[in-house]
Amino acid sequence: MSTPARRRLMRDFKRLQEDPPAGVSGAPTDNNIMLWNAVIFGPHDTPFEDGTFKLTVEFTEEYPNKPPTVRFVSKMFHPNVYADGSICLDILQNRWSPTYDASAILTSIQSLLHDPNPNSPANNEAAQLYRENRREYEKKVASIVQQSWQDDSDDEEETKELS
């Protein structure tokens, strides 16, 4: 069944494939255009550099009039990411606009990694360390960057077991 939301998501996906932004990728799951898997690579010159972070993006039939639900699946230590992986980002809440597409959503999350907002914390410990003890913050981020690689190798192991 083709609905406005599904047609828009097909366009978003096509645009993402034809003109992929640097450092992010996303695609619908095998049998569900409304549920996407995405990957954001940690931006250069940030503590997240070299990290490979997985996310899920869940759209509703109200997309693009309502924002999708975006969550980090990979472990994340960041002032604006809740323990369950959900993200405190204005464009995913009160500043959403139907002009945003999947590409814009992912690049906005990537820039949030580059430029956290400790004044609107979802993770108080991360926000406090970011403000008061940058070295300790960066050490914690470095450990989740390493875990993000292990997540990848776990997936490869699962894939080998399945085939």
Protein backbone atom coordinates (compact mmCIF):
# COMPACT_ATOMS: atom_id res chain seq x y z
CA MET A 1 0.00 0.00 0.00
CA SER A 2 1.43 3.33 -1.06
CA THR A 3 0.78 6.21 1.31
CA PRO A 4 2.21 9.75 1.24
CA ALA A 5 4.63 8.81 4.05
CA ARG A 6 5.86 5.70 2.20
CA ARG A 7 6.28 7.59 -1.09
CA ARG A 8 8.24 10.29 0.71
CA LEU A 9 10.46 7.66 2.37
CA MET A 10 11.19 6.08 -1.01
CA ARG A 11 12.28 9.53 -2.24
CA ASP A 12 14.38 10.07 0.91
CA PHE A 13 16.08 6.70 0.39
CA LYS A 14 16.74 7.37 -3.29
CA ARG A 15 18.25 10.78 -2.46
CA LEU A 16 20.41 9.23 0.27
CA GLN A 17 21.74 6.67 -2.22
CA GLU A 18 22.32 9.14 -5.06
CA ASP A 19 23.85 11.90 -2.95
CA PRO A 20 25.10 10.34 0.28
CA PRO A 21 26.28 12.84 2.90
CA ALA A 22 29.75 12.22 4.32
CA GLY A 23 29.87 9.99 7.37
CA VAL A 24 26.26 8.80 7.53
CA SER A 25 24.24 6.10 5.86
CA GLY A 26 20.78 4.67 6.25
CA ALA A 27 18.40 2.28 4.56
CA PRO A 28 15.00 0.73 5.20
CA THR A 29 14.97 -2.72 6.79
CA ASP A 30 14.34 -5.61 4.42
CA ASN A 31 10.58 -5.64 4.51
CA ASN A 32 9.61 -2.35 6.15
CA ILE A 33 10.10 1.09 4.58
CA MET A 34 8.94 2.62 7.90
CA LEU A 35 11.88 1.21 9.90
CA TRP A 36 15.42 2.12 8.91
CA ASN A 37 18.82 1.08 10.11
CA ALA A 38 21.41 3.83 10.03
CA VAL A 39 25.09 4.26 10.76
CA ILE A 40 26.87 7.43 11.79
CA PHE A 41 30.64 7.54 11.73
CA GLY A 42 32.19 9.63 14.48
CA PRO A 43 33.15 13.05 13.07
CA HIS A 44 36.84 13.90 12.59
CA ASP A 45 38.56 15.95 15.29
CA THR A 46 36.05 14.88 17.94
CA PRO A 47 36.34 12.27 20.69
CA PHE A 48 33.90 10.19 18.59
CA GLU A 49 36.31 9.99 15.62
CA ASP A 50 36.64 6.47 14.17
CA GLY A 51 33.49 5.28 15.95
CA THR A 52 30.79 3.44 14.01
CA PHE A 53 27.46 4.04 15.70
CA LYS A 54 24.29 2.20 14.76
CA LEU A 55 20.83 3.72 15.04
CA THR A 56 17.26 2.84 14.26
CA VAL A 57 14.92 5.36 12.70
CA GLU A 58 11.22 4.63 13.04
CA PHE A 59 8.84 6.61 10.86
CA THR A 60 5.06 6.81 11.22
CA GLU A 61 2.38 7.33 8.60
CA GLU A 62 2.39 10.98 9.74
CA TYR A 63 5.90 11.50 8.33
CA PRO A 64 7.02 14.05 7.12
CA ASN A 65 4.59 16.08 9.22
CA LYS A 66 5.84 14.36 12.39
CA PRO A 67 9.47 13.49 13.10
CA PRO A 68 10.64 9.89 13.29
CA THR A 69 11.78 8.24 16.50
CA VAL A 70 15.56 7.91 16.36
CA ARG A 71 17.61 5.82 18.79
CA PHE A 72 21.22 4.82 19.10
CA VAL A 73 21.49 1.04 19.16
CA SER A 74 25.23 1.30 19.85
CA LYS A 75 26.21 2.28 23.37
CA MET A 76 26.54 6.05 23.53
CA PHE A 77 28.01 8.42 26.12
CA HIS A 78 26.92 11.90 25.15
CA PRO A 79 25.26 14.84 26.95
CA ASN A 80 22.25 14.72 24.60
CA VAL A 81 21.61 10.97 24.43
CA TYR A 82 19.42 9.20 27.00
CA ALA A 83 20.35 5.84 28.53
CA ASP A 84 17.86 4.08 26.19
CA GLY A 85 19.61 5.59 23.16
CA SER A 86 16.97 8.20 22.36
CA ILE A 87 18.26 11.60 21.35
CA CYS A 88 17.53 15.06 22.71
CA LEU A 89 17.72 17.14 19.54
CA ASP A 90 15.49 20.12 18.77
CA ILE A 91 14.73 19.07 15.17
CA LEU A 92 13.43 15.72 16.44
CA GLN A 93 11.11 17.51 18.87
CA ASN A 94 9.83 21.08 18.89
CA ARG A 95 11.75 22.36 15.83
CA TRP A 96 10.74 19.62 13.40
CA SER A 97 9.89 20.67 9.86
CA PRO A 98 8.54 18.54 6.97
CA THR A 99 11.43 19.89 4.90
CA TYR A 100 13.84 17.65 6.83
CA ASP A 101 14.52 14.31 5.21
CA ALA A 102 16.38 11.20 6.35
CA SER A 103 19.67 12.68 5.18
CA ALA A 104 19.15 15.90 7.16
CA ILE A 105 18.16 13.94 10.28
CA LEU A 106 21.32 11.81 10.19
CA THR A 107 23.66 14.71 9.46
CA SER A 108 22.07 16.70 12.31
CA ILE A 109 22.72 13.83 14.71
CA GLN A 110 26.28 13.58 13.44
CA SER A 111 26.83 17.29 14.07
CA LEU A 112 25.39 16.86 17.57
CA LEU A 113 28.25 14.41 18.23
CA HIS A 114 30.60 17.15 17.06
CA ASP A 115 28.91 19.89 19.04
CA PRO A 116 27.00 18.69 22.14
CA ASN A 117 24.62 20.93 24.03
CA PRO A 118 25.40 20.36 27.73
CA ASN A 119 22.75 22.93 28.70
CA SER A 120 19.95 20.60 27.63
CA PRO A 121 21.25 17.31 29.01
CA ALA A 122 19.70 13.91 28.49
CA ASN A 123 22.69 12.36 30.28
CA ASN A 124 23.64 14.46 33.31
CA GLU A 125 26.92 12.64 33.95
CA ALA A 126 28.10 13.18 30.37
CA ALA A 127 27.01 16.84 30.43
CA GLN A 128 28.78 17.48 33.74
CA LEU A 129 32.00 15.80 32.59
CA TYR A 130 31.83 17.64 29.28
CA ARG A 131 31.63 20.96 31.14
CA GLU A 132 33.95 20.26 34.09
CA ASN A 133 36.39 17.49 33.20
CA ARG A 134 36.89 17.21 29.46
CA ARG A 135 39.70 14.66 29.77
CA GLU A 136 37.52 12.22 31.72
CA TYR A 137 34.64 12.80 29.29
CA GLU A 138 36.91 12.02 26.34
CA LYS A 139 38.17 8.86 28.07
CA LYS A 140 34.60 7.60 28.47
CA VAL A 141 33.81 8.47 24.85
CA ALA A 142 36.99 6.64 23.72
CA SER A 143 35.73 3.48 25.41
CA ILE A 144 32.37 3.62 23.59
CA VAL A 145 34.20 4.24 20.31
CA GLN A 146 36.10 0.99 20.92
CA GLN A 147 32.85 -0.78 21.83
CA SER A 148 31.35 0.43 18.54
CA TRP A 149 33.99 -1.62 16.69
CA GLN A 150 33.19 -4.68 18.78
CA ASP A 151 29.51 -4.27 17.92
CA ASP A 152 30.57 -4.56 14.28
CA SER A 153 32.59 -7.71 14.83
CA ASP A 154 29.72 -9.24 16.83
CA ASP A 155 27.45 -8.64 13.83
CA GLU A 156 29.98 -10.24 11.49
CA GLU A 157 30.13 -13.28 13.77
CA GLU A 158 26.33 -13.52 13.80
CA THR A 159 26.26 -13.23 10.01
CA LYS A 160 28.81 -16.05 9.70
CA GLU A 161 26.77 -18.22 12.07
CA LEU A 162 23.60 -17.56 10.07
CA SER A 163 25.11 -18.39 6.67
